[in-house]
Structure formats: C-alpha cells, structure tokens
Amino acid sequence: MFHLKKNGLVAYLLIGIGVFFLLRELRLPIFTNFYSWPTLLILVGASFLIYAFTSKEHKQIFPGVLLLGFGIHFHGITQYGFWVDHWGMYVLIIALAFLIRAFKTKKGFLPGILLLLFSLFVIFVDKQPGWFSWIAEVMSWLERFWPILLIGLGVYLLFKKK
C-alpha cells in the first residue's frame, strides 16, 4: 500500500530528477538553457514544495523554497544579464523561505521580516555605513567555502540526538 507521507517526497524527487534527465537526453531546443545543476536545485525544491502542500508536511516548505530560490538565482545569474548578483540575494531567499513557511505554520514571521528588511537594505541602498564592510567580507568567504557549511550540517545531523 502506498503511503503519501512515507514515500511522497522520494516519489516527487524521483519524478523531478527523471524529467530532468529525460529532457536532457531528448535534447529539446527549447530546454537547452536548463541542462544545468541549478535546474536540479529547482526541481528538488519544487519536489519539496509539492510534497509539503500535498501531504500537509509544512515543515518541508522551508527547504523547498531555499532550494527552488537558490536554483532560480543561480540560473538567473548565468542566463540573464539583468539578474542581481549580490550576496544580499541569498539573505532574501532565506527570508522568503521563513515567510512562506510562516504563512502555513504561523512560526517564523519575525526572522523572515527582519531578514527581508536587511536583504533589501544591503541590495538597494547605495551608500551603506562603513561598518557594513565586514559583512561583505564574511559573505565573500561564505561564497567561496559554502561546502564546509554543508559538511558541518551533515555531521551535525548525523550526531544530533533525536
């Protein structure tokens, strides 16, 4: 017997990744700009979101929005000259993840709003205070060494007590 809550996320992930590789194999001209790793992020994020809303597992909204948002952002950077390539976009995506999840769970509005305001400030304010330079340096370091954060998160999840 198929249980959506138990197998749904894996099913949506397999469907999304399968569609990606099938389209890549077919080499349809309309999709040539989408045969990239950001597209995989978009598909995985969309899978999380579809699962979150169909199974009412709203805690999956956050990773879904993050992955979808990062995939769209990385795709936008490589494909569109007008795309904003600023570290504040990462903060904006995280803020949106908090806010979209908060609409369903009623938790996380304050961090979402604070991060949203902060991201808009750093992206759009031309003359930022001098003390903001350290944030740009930290973000530059994070952009280079972000895989270390993934490794750390993975190790934490391995040893975290339930």
Protein backbone atom coordinates (compact mmCIF):
# COMPACT_ATOMS: atom_id res chain seq x y z
CA MET A 1 0.00 0.00 0.00
CA PHE A 2 1.35 3.43 -0.98
CA HIS A 3 1.58 5.98 1.82
CA LEU A 4 2.00 9.57 0.61
CA LYS A 5 3.57 10.78 3.82
CA LYS A 6 6.12 7.98 3.84
CA ASN A 7 7.03 7.78 0.14
CA GLY A 8 5.73 11.05 -1.29
CA LEU A 9 8.88 13.12 -1.06
CA VAL A 10 11.05 10.41 -2.57
CA ALA A 11 8.46 9.88 -5.32
CA TYR A 12 8.38 13.58 -6.23
CA LEU A 13 12.19 13.75 -6.16
CA LEU A 14 12.49 10.75 -8.46
CA ILE A 15 9.90 12.17 -10.86
CA GLY A 16 11.62 15.56 -10.97
CA ILE A 17 15.11 14.18 -11.46
CA GLY A 18 13.79 11.69 -14.03
CA VAL A 19 12.13 14.50 -16.01
CA PHE A 20 15.41 16.47 -15.92
CA PHE A 21 17.49 13.61 -17.30
CA LEU A 22 14.84 12.63 -19.86
CA LEU A 23 14.69 16.18 -21.23
CA ARG A 24 18.46 16.30 -21.23
CA GLU A 25 18.58 13.04 -23.22
CA LEU A 26 15.95 14.26 -25.71
CA ARG A 27 17.92 17.50 -26.26
CA LEU A 28 14.84 19.58 -26.97
CA PRO A 29 15.97 23.01 -28.22
CA ILE A 30 13.51 24.88 -26.00
CA PHE A 31 15.20 23.49 -22.86
CA THR A 32 18.89 23.86 -23.82
CA ASN A 33 19.48 26.59 -21.23
CA PHE A 34 18.09 24.36 -18.49
CA TYR A 35 20.50 21.41 -18.67
CA SER A 36 22.47 22.54 -15.64
CA TRP A 37 22.88 21.95 -11.92
CA PRO A 38 20.71 24.99 -11.00
CA THR A 39 17.85 23.23 -12.77
CA LEU A 40 18.35 20.24 -10.49
CA LEU A 41 18.08 22.57 -7.49
CA ILE A 42 14.86 23.98 -8.94
CA LEU A 43 13.40 20.51 -9.45
CA VAL A 44 14.39 19.29 -5.98
CA GLY A 45 12.99 22.46 -4.41
CA ALA A 46 9.76 22.11 -6.38
CA SER A 47 9.54 18.47 -5.25
CA PHE A 48 9.83 19.54 -1.62
CA LEU A 49 7.13 22.17 -2.12
CA ILE A 50 4.73 19.84 -3.91
CA TYR A 51 5.22 17.29 -1.16
CA ALA A 52 4.81 19.91 1.59
CA PHE A 53 1.49 21.16 0.23
CA THR A 54 0.00 17.82 -0.86
CA SER A 55 0.87 15.98 2.36
CA LYS A 56 0.42 18.97 4.68
CA GLU A 57 4.01 18.47 5.92
CA HIS A 58 4.53 22.22 6.08
CA LYS A 59 7.97 21.97 7.66
CA GLN A 60 9.20 20.92 4.18
CA ILE A 61 8.25 24.34 2.79
CA PHE A 62 11.44 25.91 4.14
CA PRO A 63 13.94 23.62 2.35
CA GLY A 64 11.72 23.67 -0.73
CA VAL A 65 11.77 27.45 -1.01
CA LEU A 66 15.52 27.54 -0.27
CA LEU A 67 16.41 25.03 -2.98
CA LEU A 68 13.96 26.48 -5.51
CA GLY A 69 15.13 30.02 -4.76
CA PHE A 70 18.83 29.19 -4.97
CA GLY A 71 18.25 27.26 -8.20
CA ILE A 72 16.38 30.18 -9.76
CA HIS A 73 19.04 32.61 -8.55
CA PHE A 74 21.98 30.59 -9.89
CA HIS A 75 20.16 30.05 -13.17
CA GLY A 76 19.35 33.76 -13.37
CA ILE A 77 22.98 34.74 -12.79
CA THR A 78 24.19 32.57 -15.67
CA GLN A 79 21.36 33.26 -18.14
CA TYR A 80 20.20 36.85 -17.65
CA GLY A 81 22.36 39.94 -17.74
CA PHE A 82 19.90 41.95 -15.66
CA TRP A 83 19.93 39.47 -12.74
CA VAL A 84 21.08 40.92 -9.42
CA ASP A 85 24.35 39.20 -8.48
CA HIS A 86 24.71 40.36 -4.89
CA TRP A 87 25.22 38.38 -1.67
CA GLY A 88 22.07 40.00 -0.28
CA MET A 89 20.07 37.78 -2.65
CA TYR A 90 20.94 34.75 -0.51
CA VAL A 91 19.57 36.51 2.56
CA LEU A 92 16.47 37.47 0.55
CA ILE A 93 15.86 33.82 -0.42
CA ILE A 94 16.23 32.72 3.21
CA ALA A 95 13.80 35.47 4.27
CA LEU A 96 11.26 34.29 1.70
CA ALA A 97 11.64 30.71 2.96
CA PHE A 98 10.85 31.85 6.51
CA LEU A 99 7.89 33.95 5.39
CA ILE A 100 6.30 31.40 3.06
CA ARG A 101 6.60 28.69 5.71
CA ALA A 102 5.23 31.07 8.34
CA PHE A 103 2.02 31.55 6.35
CA LYS A 104 1.26 27.85 6.88
CA THR A 105 2.87 27.17 10.28
CA LYS A 106 2.38 30.57 11.94
CA LYS A 107 6.05 30.39 13.06
CA GLY A 108 8.98 32.40 11.74
CA PHE A 109 7.37 35.69 10.74
CA LEU A 110 9.79 37.84 12.77
CA PRO A 111 13.03 36.31 11.43
CA GLY A 112 11.55 36.41 7.94
CA ILE A 113 10.63 40.08 8.15
CA LEU A 114 13.96 41.05 9.73
CA LEU A 115 15.95 39.15 7.09
CA LEU A 116 13.77 40.61 4.33
CA LEU A 117 14.39 44.17 5.51
CA PHE A 118 18.11 43.50 5.93
CA SER A 119 18.42 41.96 2.45
CA LEU A 120 16.57 44.82 0.79
CA PHE A 121 18.78 47.31 2.63
CA VAL A 122 22.05 45.70 1.55
CA ILE A 123 20.90 45.13 -2.03
CA PHE A 124 19.34 48.51 -2.78
CA VAL A 125 20.97 51.12 -0.54
CA ASP A 126 23.84 52.70 -2.45
CA LYS A 127 25.58 54.40 0.47
CA GLN A 128 25.80 51.84 3.24
CA PRO A 129 27.54 52.64 6.52
CA GLY A 130 31.28 51.93 6.67
CA TRP A 131 30.84 49.30 9.36
CA PHE A 132 28.98 47.15 6.79
CA SER A 133 32.24 46.22 5.07
CA TRP A 134 32.83 43.25 7.42
CA ILE A 135 29.54 41.69 6.28
CA ALA A 136 30.68 41.80 2.65
CA GLU A 137 33.96 40.12 3.66
CA VAL A 138 32.15 37.35 5.57
CA MET A 139 29.77 36.78 2.65
CA SER A 140 32.71 36.63 0.24
CA TRP A 141 34.28 33.93 2.43
CA LEU A 142 30.96 32.04 2.63
CA GLU A 143 30.54 32.17 -1.16
CA ARG A 144 33.92 30.51 -1.52
CA PHE A 145 33.71 27.94 1.27
CA TRP A 146 29.96 27.17 1.43
CA PRO A 147 30.61 23.41 1.02
CA ILE A 148 32.13 23.46 4.52
CA LEU A 149 28.74 24.59 5.84
CA LEU A 150 27.08 21.63 4.11
CA ILE A 151 29.63 19.23 5.58
CA GLY A 152 29.13 20.71 9.05
CA LEU A 153 25.36 20.49 8.78
CA GLY A 154 25.63 16.87 7.65
CA VAL A 155 27.92 15.96 10.56
CA TYR A 156 25.58 17.73 12.98
CA LEU A 157 22.57 15.83 11.65
CA LEU A 158 24.45 12.53 11.97
CA PHE A 159 25.22 13.03 15.64
CA LYS A 160 22.16 15.04 16.72
CA LYS A 161 20.11 13.32 19.40
CA LYS A 162 16.50 12.78 18.47
